[in-house]
Amino acid sequence: MTEMPSIDSKDVKKIVVACDAGMGSSVMLATQLRKALSGLSVEVRHTPVNSIPDDADIVVCHAGLAARARASAPGTVLVPFQVFIGDPAVTRLIATMKNGGTVDA
């Protein structure tokens, strides 16, 4: 069994919100994350799930796209969510980024 990737919040430089086409809901979620993490030295951008950049530290995507995101960015911490606004996985990510700790896949 392979070990799931994790990263310390202080080492996160780029969070990518991945979606099917790189438009719409992911743009809203990326904007929400950008606002929530303002003041931290973290870049937040959105991208199509098949074009996740190699320098992404964390990928946030809908659970339905998680397998494609893992294939596109193996070894990167993946945070899957169910709903675009107020999802517990995203809320946990924001809290960990602000308060310190480890973000697990």
PDB file of N, CA and C in Angstrom:
ATOM      1  N   MET A   1       0.852  -1.188   0.000  1.00  0.00           N
ATOM      2  CA  MET A   1       0.000   0.000   0.000  1.00  0.00           C
ATOM      3  C   MET A   1       0.893   1.245   0.000  1.00  0.00           C
ATOM      4  N   THR A   2       0.583   2.188  -0.860  1.00  0.00           N
ATOM      5  CA  THR A   2       1.396   3.399  -0.933  1.00  0.00           C
ATOM      6  C   THR A   2       0.961   4.386   0.144  1.00  0.00           C
ATOM      7  N   GLU A   3       1.927   5.126   0.640  1.00  0.00           N
ATOM      8  CA  GLU A   3       1.657   6.119   1.669  1.00  0.00           C
ATOM      9  C   GLU A   3       0.979   7.328   1.032  1.00  0.00           C
ATOM     10  N   MET A   4      -0.051   7.822   1.694  1.00  0.00           N
ATOM     11  CA  MET A   4      -0.760   8.998   1.175  1.00  0.00           C
ATOM     12  C   MET A   4       0.098  10.232   1.413  1.00  0.00           C
ATOM     13  N   PRO A   5       0.168  11.107   0.430  1.00  0.00           N
ATOM     14  CA  PRO A   5       0.996  12.302   0.609  1.00  0.00           C
ATOM     15  C   PRO A   5       0.407  13.247   1.651  1.00  0.00           C
ATOM     16  N   SER A   6       1.290  14.006   2.269  1.00  0.00           N
ATOM     17  CA  SER A   6       0.867  15.054   3.197  1.00  0.00           C
ATOM     18  C   SER A   6       1.881  16.177   3.086  1.00  0.00           C
ATOM     19  N   ILE A   7       1.506  17.361   3.570  1.00  0.00           N
ATOM     20  CA  ILE A   7       2.400  18.510   3.515  1.00  0.00           C
ATOM     21  C   ILE A   7       2.119  19.398   4.718  1.00  0.00           C
ATOM     22  N   ASP A   8       3.170  19.954   5.282  1.00  0.00           N
ATOM     23  CA  ASP A   8       3.008  20.884   6.393  1.00  0.00           C
ATOM     24  C   ASP A   8       2.484  22.199   5.824  1.00  0.00           C
ATOM     25  N   SER A   9       1.544  22.804   6.510  1.00  0.00           N
ATOM     26  CA  SER A   9       0.913  24.034   6.009  1.00  0.00           C
ATOM     27  C   SER A   9       1.928  25.123   5.700  1.00  0.00           C
ATOM     28  N   LYS A  10       3.026  25.190   6.474  1.00  0.00           N
ATOM     29  CA  LYS A  10       4.020  26.242   6.231  1.00  0.00           C
ATOM     30  C   LYS A  10       4.798  26.021   4.934  1.00  0.00           C
ATOM     31  N   ASP A  11       4.742  24.802   4.379  1.00  0.00           N
ATOM     32  CA  ASP A  11       5.449  24.500   3.135  1.00  0.00           C
ATOM     33  C   ASP A  11       4.582  24.684   1.887  1.00  0.00           C
ATOM     34  N   VAL A  12       3.319  25.038   2.071  1.00  0.00           N
ATOM     35  CA  VAL A  12       2.396  25.188   0.940  1.00  0.00           C
ATOM     36  C   VAL A  12       2.614  26.539   0.266  1.00  0.00           C
ATOM     37  N   LYS A  13       2.924  26.503  -1.014  1.00  0.00           N
ATOM     38  CA  LYS A  13       3.105  27.725  -1.799  1.00  0.00           C
ATOM     39  C   LYS A  13       2.001  27.898  -2.843  1.00  0.00           C
ATOM     40  N   LYS A  14       1.431  26.773  -3.320  1.00  0.00           N
ATOM     41  CA  LYS A  14       0.402  26.874  -4.363  1.00  0.00           C
ATOM     42  C   LYS A  14      -0.705  25.849  -4.123  1.00  0.00           C
ATOM     43  N   ILE A  15      -1.939  26.354  -4.104  1.00  0.00           N
ATOM     44  CA  ILE A  15      -3.134  25.514  -4.034  1.00  0.00           C
ATOM     45  C   ILE A  15      -3.855  25.669  -5.369  1.00  0.00           C
ATOM     46  N   VAL A  16      -4.197  24.542  -5.978  1.00  0.00           N
ATOM     47  CA  VAL A  16      -4.897  24.561  -7.255  1.00  0.00           C
ATOM     48  C   VAL A  16      -6.295  23.989  -7.062  1.00  0.00           C
ATOM     49  N   VAL A  17      -7.309  24.733  -7.501  1.00  0.00           N
ATOM     50  CA  VAL A  17      -8.680  24.244  -7.520  1.00  0.00           C
ATOM     51  C   VAL A  17      -8.908  23.702  -8.927  1.00  0.00           C
ATOM     52  N   ALA A  18      -9.086  22.395  -9.033  1.00  0.00           N
ATOM     53  CA  ALA A  18      -9.224  21.754 -10.336  1.00  0.00           C
ATOM     54  C   ALA A  18     -10.684  21.408 -10.599  1.00  0.00           C
ATOM     55  N   CYS A  19     -11.103  21.619 -11.840  1.00  0.00           N
ATOM     56  CA  CYS A  19     -12.458  21.239 -12.222  1.00  0.00           C
ATOM     57  C   CYS A  19     -12.429  20.681 -13.630  1.00  0.00           C
ATOM     58  N   ASP A  20     -13.597  20.359 -14.147  1.00  0.00           N
ATOM     59  CA  ASP A  20     -13.673  19.701 -15.447  1.00  0.00           C
ATOM     60  C   ASP A  20     -13.127  20.573 -16.564  1.00  0.00           C
ATOM     61  N   ALA A  21     -13.494  21.842 -16.570  1.00  0.00           N
ATOM     62  CA  ALA A  21     -13.076  22.712 -17.673  1.00  0.00           C
ATOM     63  C   ALA A  21     -12.260  23.919 -17.227  1.00  0.00           C
ATOM     64  N   GLY A  22     -12.178  24.161 -15.915  1.00  0.00           N
ATOM     65  CA  GLY A  22     -11.419  25.310 -15.434  1.00  0.00           C
ATOM     66  C   GLY A  22     -12.236  26.589 -15.397  1.00  0.00           C
ATOM     67  N   MET A  23     -13.555  26.468 -15.343  1.00  0.00           N
ATOM     68  CA  MET A  23     -14.431  27.637 -15.330  1.00  0.00           C
ATOM     69  C   MET A  23     -15.508  27.455 -14.253  1.00  0.00           C
ATOM     70  N   GLY A  24     -16.336  28.458 -14.108  1.00  0.00           N
ATOM     71  CA  GLY A  24     -17.537  28.337 -13.285  1.00  0.00           C
ATOM     72  C   GLY A  24     -17.293  28.177 -11.811  1.00  0.00           C
ATOM     73  N   SER A  25     -17.772  27.066 -11.274  1.00  0.00           N
ATOM     74  CA  SER A  25     -17.758  26.854  -9.827  1.00  0.00           C
ATOM     75  C   SER A  25     -16.358  26.856  -9.242  1.00  0.00           C
ATOM     76  N   SER A  26     -15.390  26.338  -9.978  1.00  0.00           N
ATOM     77  CA  SER A  26     -14.026  26.318  -9.439  1.00  0.00           C
ATOM     78  C   SER A  26     -13.473  27.728  -9.289  1.00  0.00           C
ATOM     79  N   VAL A  27     -13.898  28.634 -10.172  1.00  0.00           N
ATOM     80  CA  VAL A  27     -13.463  30.030 -10.062  1.00  0.00           C
ATOM     81  C   VAL A  27     -13.985  30.624  -8.756  1.00  0.00           C
ATOM     82  N   MET A  28     -15.257  30.341  -8.441  1.00  0.00           N
ATOM     83  CA  MET A  28     -15.841  30.835  -7.184  1.00  0.00           C
ATOM     84  C   MET A  28     -15.102  30.262  -5.982  1.00  0.00           C
ATOM     85  N   LEU A  29     -14.804  28.960  -6.009  1.00  0.00           N
ATOM     86  CA  LEU A  29     -14.118  28.338  -4.887  1.00  0.00           C
ATOM     87  C   LEU A  29     -12.694  28.877  -4.755  1.00  0.00           C
ATOM     88  N   ALA A  30     -12.005  29.067  -5.873  1.00  0.00           N
ATOM     89  CA  ALA A  30     -10.652  29.630  -5.829  1.00  0.00           C
ATOM     90  C   ALA A  30     -10.678  31.031  -5.222  1.00  0.00           C
ATOM     91  N   THR A  31     -11.675  31.834  -5.601  1.00  0.00           N
ATOM     92  CA  THR A  31     -11.821  33.182  -5.050  1.00  0.00           C
ATOM     93  C   THR A  31     -12.078  33.116  -3.546  1.00  0.00           C
ATOM     94  N   GLN A  32     -12.940  32.195  -3.129  1.00  0.00           N
ATOM     95  CA  GLN A  32     -13.234  32.013  -1.699  1.00  0.00           C
ATOM     96  C   GLN A  32     -11.955  31.637  -0.941  1.00  0.00           C
ATOM     97  N   LEU A  33     -11.171  30.702  -1.482  1.00  0.00           N
ATOM     98  CA  LEU A  33      -9.927  30.302  -0.825  1.00  0.00           C
ATOM     99  C   LEU A  33      -8.927  31.458  -0.778  1.00  0.00           C
ATOM    100  N   ARG A  34      -8.819  32.199  -1.881  1.00  0.00           N
ATOM    101  CA  ARG A  34      -7.899  33.340  -1.947  1.00  0.00           C
ATOM    102  C   ARG A  34      -8.227  34.334  -0.832  1.00  0.00           C
ATOM    103  N   LYS A  35      -9.519  34.634  -0.670  1.00  0.00           N
ATOM    104  CA  LYS A  35      -9.942  35.579   0.379  1.00  0.00           C
ATOM    105  C   LYS A  35      -9.664  35.015   1.766  1.00  0.00           C
ATOM    106  N   ALA A  36      -9.991  33.734   1.960  1.00  0.00           N
ATOM    107  CA  ALA A  36      -9.823  33.115   3.276  1.00  0.00           C
ATOM    108  C   ALA A  36      -8.352  33.028   3.675  1.00  0.00           C
ATOM    109  N   LEU A  37      -7.470  32.888   2.681  1.00  0.00           N
ATOM    110  CA  LEU A  37      -6.044  32.719   2.963  1.00  0.00           C
ATOM    111  C   LEU A  37      -5.239  33.986   2.714  1.00  0.00           C
ATOM    112  N   SER A  38      -5.929  35.117   2.517  1.00  0.00           N
ATOM    113  CA  SER A  38      -5.197  36.364   2.295  1.00  0.00           C
ATOM    114  C   SER A  38      -4.323  36.640   3.506  1.00  0.00           C
ATOM    115  N   GLY A  39      -3.152  37.158   3.255  1.00  0.00           N
ATOM    116  CA  GLY A  39      -2.206  37.374   4.337  1.00  0.00           C
ATOM    117  C   GLY A  39      -1.185  36.256   4.439  1.00  0.00           C
ATOM    118  N   LEU A  40      -1.499  35.104   3.846  1.00  0.00           N
ATOM    119  CA  LEU A  40      -0.531  34.010   3.789  1.00  0.00           C
ATOM    120  C   LEU A  40       0.166  34.069   2.437  1.00  0.00           C
ATOM    121  N   SER A  41       1.363  33.560   2.373  1.00  0.00           N
ATOM    122  CA  SER A  41       2.113  33.564   1.107  1.00  0.00           C
ATOM    123  C   SER A  41       1.758  32.319   0.292  1.00  0.00           C
ATOM    124  N   VAL A  42       0.485  32.236  -0.092  1.00  0.00           N
ATOM    125  CA  VAL A  42      -0.005  31.069  -0.835  1.00  0.00           C
ATOM    126  C   VAL A  42      -0.713  31.553  -2.090  1.00  0.00           C
ATOM    127  N   GLU A  43      -0.309  31.018  -3.225  1.00  0.00           N
ATOM    128  CA  GLU A  43      -0.988  31.319  -4.484  1.00  0.00           C
ATOM    129  C   GLU A  43      -2.154  30.347  -4.624  1.00  0.00           C
ATOM    130  N   VAL A  44      -3.321  30.864  -4.995  1.00  0.00           N
ATOM    131  CA  VAL A  44      -4.490  30.022  -5.254  1.00  0.00           C
ATOM    132  C   VAL A  44      -4.924  30.282  -6.683  1.00  0.00           C
ATOM    133  N   ARG A  45      -5.017  29.208  -7.475  1.00  0.00           N
ATOM    134  CA  ARG A  45      -5.495  29.367  -8.844  1.00  0.00           C
ATOM    135  C   ARG A  45      -6.394  28.205  -9.211  1.00  0.00           C
ATOM    136  N   HIS A  46      -7.111  28.361 -10.290  1.00  0.00           N
ATOM    137  CA  HIS A  46      -7.963  27.264 -10.762  1.00  0.00           C
ATOM    138  C   HIS A  46      -7.450  26.792 -12.117  1.00  0.00           C
ATOM    139  N   THR A  47      -7.721  25.531 -12.415  1.00  0.00           N
ATOM    140  CA  THR A  47      -7.211  24.938 -13.639  1.00  0.00           C
ATOM    141  C   THR A  47      -8.065  23.732 -14.020  1.00  0.00           C
ATOM    142  N   PRO A  48      -8.091  23.363 -15.283  1.00  0.00           N
ATOM    143  CA  PRO A  48      -8.758  22.108 -15.650  1.00  0.00           C
ATOM    144  C   PRO A  48      -8.043  20.922 -14.983  1.00  0.00           C
ATOM    145  N   VAL A  49      -8.798  19.899 -14.632  1.00  0.00           N
ATOM    146  CA  VAL A  49      -8.252  18.756 -13.895  1.00  0.00           C
ATOM    147  C   VAL A  49      -7.144  18.031 -14.669  1.00  0.00           C
ATOM    148  N   ASN A  50      -7.181  18.085 -15.984  1.00  0.00           N
ATOM    149  CA  ASN A  50      -6.155  17.410 -16.780  1.00  0.00           C
ATOM    150  C   ASN A  50      -4.914  18.272 -16.993  1.00  0.00           C
ATOM    151  N   SER A  51      -4.918  19.499 -16.463  1.00  0.00           N
ATOM    152  CA  SER A  51      -3.790  20.428 -16.661  1.00  0.00           C
ATOM    153  C   SER A  51      -3.243  20.958 -15.340  1.00  0.00           C
ATOM    154  N   ILE A  52      -3.251  20.153 -14.309  1.00  0.00           N
ATOM    155  CA  ILE A  52      -2.752  20.583 -13.004  1.00  0.00           C
ATOM    156  C   ILE A  52      -1.242  20.814 -13.113  1.00  0.00           C
ATOM    157  N   PRO A  53      -0.760  22.010 -12.723  1.00  0.00           N
ATOM    158  CA  PRO A  53       0.666  22.295 -12.853  1.00  0.00           C
ATOM    159  C   PRO A  53       1.516  21.439 -11.902  1.00  0.00           C
ATOM    160  N   ASP A  54       2.737  21.172 -12.324  1.00  0.00           N
ATOM    161  CA  ASP A  54       3.654  20.327 -11.543  1.00  0.00           C
ATOM    162  C   ASP A  54       4.017  20.941 -10.197  1.00  0.00           C
ATOM    163  N   ASP A  55       3.918  22.272 -10.078  1.00  0.00           N
ATOM    164  CA  ASP A  55       4.323  22.913  -8.828  1.00  0.00           C
ATOM    165  C   ASP A  55       3.177  23.083  -7.835  1.00  0.00           C
ATOM    166  N   ALA A  56       2.036  22.450  -8.100  1.00  0.00           N
ATOM    167  CA  ALA A  56       0.921  22.503  -7.148  1.00  0.00           C
ATOM    168  C   ALA A  56       1.293  21.713  -5.896  1.00  0.00           C
ATOM    169  N   ASP A  57       1.069  22.308  -4.727  1.00  0.00           N
ATOM    170  CA  ASP A  57       1.317  21.617  -3.459  1.00  0.00           C
ATOM    171  C   ASP A  57       0.072  20.887  -2.977  1.00  0.00           C
ATOM    172  N   ILE A  58      -1.089  21.501  -3.223  1.00  0.00           N
ATOM    173  CA  ILE A  58      -2.377  20.917  -2.836  1.00  0.00           C
ATOM    174  C   ILE A  58      -3.337  21.097  -4.003  1.00  0.00           C
ATOM    175  N   VAL A  59      -4.094  20.046  -4.303  1.00  0.00           N
ATOM    176  CA  VAL A  59      -5.143  20.127  -5.318  1.00  0.00           C
ATOM    177  C   VAL A  59      -6.481  19.955  -4.608  1.00  0.00           C
ATOM    178  N   VAL A  60      -7.387  20.888  -4.841  1.00  0.00           N
ATOM    179  CA  VAL A  60      -8.737  20.841  -4.296  1.00  0.00           C
ATOM    180  C   VAL A  60      -9.663  20.580  -5.474  1.00  0.00           C
ATOM    181  N   CYS A  61     -10.477  19.510  -5.398  1.00  0.00           N
ATOM    182  CA  CYS A  61     -11.392  19.233  -6.505  1.00  0.00           C
ATOM    183  C   CYS A  61     -12.615  18.488  -5.993  1.00  0.00           C
ATOM    184  N   HIS A  62     -13.661  18.505  -6.798  1.00  0.00           N
ATOM    185  CA  HIS A  62     -14.880  17.776  -6.466  1.00  0.00           C
ATOM    186  C   HIS A  62     -14.555  16.291  -6.393  1.00  0.00           C
ATOM    187  N   ALA A  63     -15.194  15.583  -5.483  1.00  0.00           N
ATOM    188  CA  ALA A  63     -14.928  14.157  -5.287  1.00  0.00           C
ATOM    189  C   ALA A  63     -15.097  13.359  -6.584  1.00  0.00           C
ATOM    190  N   GLY A  64     -16.006  13.797  -7.446  1.00  0.00           N
ATOM    191  CA  GLY A  64     -16.230  13.105  -8.711  1.00  0.00           C
ATOM    192  C   GLY A  64     -15.054  13.195  -9.668  1.00  0.00           C
ATOM    193  N   LEU A  65     -14.140  14.139  -9.422  1.00  0.00           N
ATOM    194  CA  LEU A  65     -12.964  14.309 -10.277  1.00  0.00           C
ATOM    195  C   LEU A  65     -11.681  13.830  -9.604  1.00  0.00           C
ATOM    196  N   ALA A  66     -11.795  13.281  -8.405  1.00  0.00           N
ATOM    197  CA  ALA A  66     -10.608  12.927  -7.619  1.00  0.00           C
ATOM    198  C   ALA A  66      -9.700  11.937  -8.343  1.00  0.00           C
ATOM    199  N   ALA A  67     -10.256  10.922  -8.984  1.00  0.00           N
ATOM    200  CA  ALA A  67      -9.422   9.928  -9.671  1.00  0.00           C
ATOM    201  C   ALA A  67      -8.640  10.580 -10.812  1.00  0.00           C
ATOM    202  N   ARG A  68      -9.289  11.463 -11.558  1.00  0.00           N
ATOM    203  CA  ARG A  68      -8.596  12.161 -12.649  1.00  0.00           C
ATOM    204  C   ARG A  68      -7.528  13.097 -12.104  1.00  0.00           C
ATOM    205  N   ALA A  69      -7.804  13.761 -10.979  1.00  0.00           N
ATOM    206  CA  ALA A  69      -6.826  14.663 -10.376  1.00  0.00           C
ATOM    207  C   ALA A  69      -5.614  13.878  -9.893  1.00  0.00           C
ATOM    208  N   ARG A  70      -5.848  12.707  -9.276  1.00  0.00           N
ATOM    209  CA  ARG A  70      -4.728  11.872  -8.815  1.00  0.00           C
ATOM    210  C   ARG A  70      -3.868  11.428  -9.989  1.00  0.00           C
ATOM    211  N   ALA A  71      -4.510  11.087 -11.107  1.00  0.00           N
ATOM    212  CA  ALA A  71      -3.770  10.658 -12.296  1.00  0.00           C
ATOM    213  C   ALA A  71      -2.966  11.819 -12.881  1.00  0.00           C
ATOM    214  N   SER A  72      -3.540  13.030 -12.825  1.00  0.00           N
ATOM    215  CA  SER A  72      -2.898  14.213 -13.392  1.00  0.00           C
ATOM    216  C   SER A  72      -1.776  14.742 -12.507  1.00  0.00           C
ATOM    217  N   ALA A  73      -1.910  14.558 -11.189  1.00  0.00           N
ATOM    218  CA  ALA A  73      -0.920  15.083 -10.241  1.00  0.00           C
ATOM    219  C   ALA A  73      -0.601  14.044  -9.173  1.00  0.00           C
ATOM    220  N   PRO A  74       0.013  12.923  -9.573  1.00  0.00           N
ATOM    221  CA  PRO A  74       0.325  11.889  -8.573  1.00  0.00           C
ATOM    222  C   PRO A  74       1.328  12.414  -7.551  1.00  0.00           C
ATOM    223  N   GLY A  75       1.135  12.022  -6.304  1.00  0.00           N
ATOM    224  CA  GLY A  75       2.056  12.452  -5.257  1.00  0.00           C
ATOM    225  C   GLY A  75       1.727  13.809  -4.660  1.00  0.00           C
ATOM    226  N   THR A  76       0.723  14.492  -5.211  1.00  0.00           N
ATOM    227  CA  THR A  76       0.300  15.788  -4.682  1.00  0.00           C
ATOM    228  C   THR A  76      -0.844  15.568  -3.697  1.00  0.00           C
ATOM    229  N   VAL A  77      -0.859  16.343  -2.621  1.00  0.00           N
ATOM    230  CA  VAL A  77      -1.948  16.235  -1.645  1.00  0.00           C
ATOM    231  C   VAL A  77      -3.250  16.631  -2.334  1.00  0.00           C
ATOM    232  N   LEU A  78      -4.254  15.771  -2.215  1.00  0.00           N
ATOM    233  CA  LEU A  78      -5.559  16.002  -2.848  1.00  0.00           C
ATOM    234  C   LEU A  78      -6.619  16.176  -1.770  1.00  0.00           C
ATOM    235  N   VAL A  79      -7.381  17.266  -1.875  1.00  0.00           N
ATOM    236  CA  VAL A  79      -8.472  17.522  -0.940  1.00  0.00           C
ATOM    237  C   VAL A  79      -9.784  17.465  -1.739  1.00  0.00           C
ATOM    238  N   PRO A  80     -10.458  16.315  -1.729  1.00  0.00           N
ATOM    239  CA  PRO A  80     -11.735  16.224  -2.442  1.00  0.00           C
ATOM    240  C   PRO A  80     -12.869  16.798  -1.595  1.00  0.00           C
ATOM    241  N   PHE A  81     -13.852  17.386  -2.263  1.00  0.00           N
ATOM    242  CA  PHE A  81     -15.004  17.942  -1.549  1.00  0.00           C
ATOM    243  C   PHE A  81     -16.288  17.522  -2.260  1.00  0.00           C
ATOM    244  N   GLN A  82     -17.423  17.686  -1.566  1.00  0.00           N
ATOM    245  CA  GLN A  82     -18.721  17.318  -2.120  1.00  0.00           C
ATOM    246  C   GLN A  82     -19.523  18.533  -2.591  1.00  0.00           C
ATOM    247  N   VAL A  83     -19.470  19.630  -1.822  1.00  0.00           N
ATOM    248  CA  VAL A  83     -20.233  20.828  -2.174  1.00  0.00           C
ATOM    249  C   VAL A  83     -19.288  22.010  -2.323  1.00  0.00           C
ATOM    250  N   PHE A  84     -19.629  22.930  -3.235  1.00  0.00           N
ATOM    251  CA  PHE A  84     -18.704  24.015  -3.552  1.00  0.00           C
ATOM    252  C   PHE A  84     -18.597  25.079  -2.463  1.00  0.00           C
ATOM    253  N   ILE A  85     -19.646  25.301  -1.711  1.00  0.00           N
ATOM    254  CA  ILE A  85     -19.608  26.332  -0.675  1.00  0.00           C
ATOM    255  C   ILE A  85     -19.878  25.685   0.679  1.00  0.00           C
ATOM    256  N   GLY A  86     -18.945  25.878   1.614  1.00  0.00           N
ATOM    257  CA  GLY A  86     -19.144  25.396   2.980  1.00  0.00           C
ATOM    258  C   GLY A  86     -18.838  23.925   3.194  1.00  0.00           C
ATOM    259  N   ASP A  87     -18.101  23.288   2.293  1.00  0.00           N
ATOM    260  CA  ASP A  87     -17.787  21.879   2.475  1.00  0.00           C
ATOM    261  C   ASP A  87     -16.812  21.706   3.647  1.00  0.00           C
ATOM    262  N   PRO A  88     -17.038  20.699   4.503  1.00  0.00           N
ATOM    263  CA  PRO A  88     -16.148  20.490   5.662  1.00  0.00           C
ATOM    264  C   PRO A  88     -14.686  20.272   5.271  1.00  0.00           C
ATOM    265  N   ALA A  89     -14.417  19.627   4.154  1.00  0.00           N
ATOM    266  CA  ALA A  89     -13.024  19.387   3.738  1.00  0.00           C
ATOM    267  C   ALA A  89     -12.325  20.707   3.429  1.00  0.00           C
ATOM    268  N   VAL A  90     -13.031  21.628   2.794  1.00  0.00           N
ATOM    269  CA  VAL A  90     -12.458  22.935   2.467  1.00  0.00           C
ATOM    270  C   VAL A  90     -12.310  23.761   3.742  1.00  0.00           C
ATOM    271  N   THR A  91     -13.298  23.697   4.619  1.00  0.00           N
ATOM    272  CA  THR A  91     -13.230  24.409   5.899  1.00  0.00           C
ATOM    273  C   THR A  91     -12.026  23.930   6.713  1.00  0.00           C
ATOM    274  N   ARG A  92     -11.792  22.608   6.746  1.00  0.00           N
ATOM    275  CA  ARG A  92     -10.632  22.043   7.448  1.00  0.00           C
ATOM    276  C   ARG A  92      -9.328  22.524   6.829  1.00  0.00           C
ATOM    277  N   LEU A  93      -9.267  22.547   5.492  1.00  0.00           N
ATOM    278  CA  LEU A  93      -8.063  23.013   4.804  1.00  0.00           C
ATOM    279  C   LEU A  93      -7.747  24.455   5.196  1.00  0.00           C
ATOM    280  N   ILE A  94      -8.754  25.322   5.166  1.00  0.00           N
ATOM    281  CA  ILE A  94      -8.559  26.730   5.521  1.00  0.00           C
ATOM    282  C   ILE A  94      -8.066  26.847   6.961  1.00  0.00           C
ATOM    283  N   ALA A  95      -8.688  26.108   7.879  1.00  0.00           N
ATOM    284  CA  ALA A  95      -8.287  26.166   9.294  1.00  0.00           C
ATOM    285  C   ALA A  95      -6.842  25.697   9.475  1.00  0.00           C
ATOM    286  N   THR A  96      -6.472  24.622   8.790  1.00  0.00           N
ATOM    287  CA  THR A  96      -5.105  24.102   8.907  1.00  0.00           C
ATOM    288  C   THR A  96      -4.100  25.086   8.331  1.00  0.00           C
ATOM    289  N   MET A  97      -4.444  25.702   7.214  1.00  0.00           N
ATOM    290  CA  MET A  97      -3.539  26.675   6.603  1.00  0.00           C
ATOM    291  C   MET A  97      -3.335  27.878   7.525  1.00  0.00           C
ATOM    292  N   LYS A  98      -4.409  28.331   8.178  1.00  0.00           N
ATOM    293  CA  LYS A  98      -4.315  29.512   9.045  1.00  0.00           C
ATOM    294  C   LYS A  98      -3.659  29.207  10.384  1.00  0.00           C
ATOM    295  N   ASN A  99      -3.931  28.029  10.929  1.00  0.00           N
ATOM    296  CA  ASN A  99      -3.503  27.698  12.289  1.00  0.00           C
ATOM    297  C   ASN A  99      -2.257  26.831  12.349  1.00  0.00           C
ATOM    298  N   GLY A 100      -1.818  26.332  11.201  1.00  0.00           N
ATOM    299  CA  GLY A 100      -0.665  25.449  11.171  1.00  0.00           C
ATOM    300  C   GLY A 100      -1.076  24.001  11.331  1.00  0.00           C
ATOM    301  N   GLY A 101      -0.223  23.126  10.847  1.00  0.00           N
ATOM    302  CA  GLY A 101      -0.511  21.686  10.942  1.00  0.00           C
ATOM    303  C   GLY A 101      -0.238  21.023   9.613  1.00  0.00           C
ATOM    304  N   THR A 102      -0.616  19.772   9.540  1.00  0.00           N
ATOM    305  CA  THR A 102      -0.359  18.969   8.349  1.00  0.00           C
ATOM    306  C   THR A 102      -1.631  18.796   7.545  1.00  0.00           C
ATOM    307  N   VAL A 103      -1.523  18.984   6.234  1.00  0.00           N
ATOM    308  CA  VAL A 103      -2.643  18.731   5.332  1.00  0.00           C
ATOM    309  C   VAL A 103      -2.403  17.361   4.731  1.00  0.00           C
ATOM    310  N   ASP A 104      -3.336  16.453   4.958  1.00  0.00           N
ATOM    311  CA  ASP A 104      -3.228  15.085   4.459  1.00  0.00           C
ATOM    312  C   ASP A 104      -4.108  14.890   3.236  1.00  0.00           C
ATOM    313  N   ALA A 105      -3.712  13.919   2.422  1.00  0.00           N
ATOM    314  CA  ALA A 105      -4.488  13.598   1.221  1.00  0.00           C
ATOM    315  C   ALA A 105      -5.800  12.971   1.609  1.00  0.00           C
TER     316      ALA A 105
END
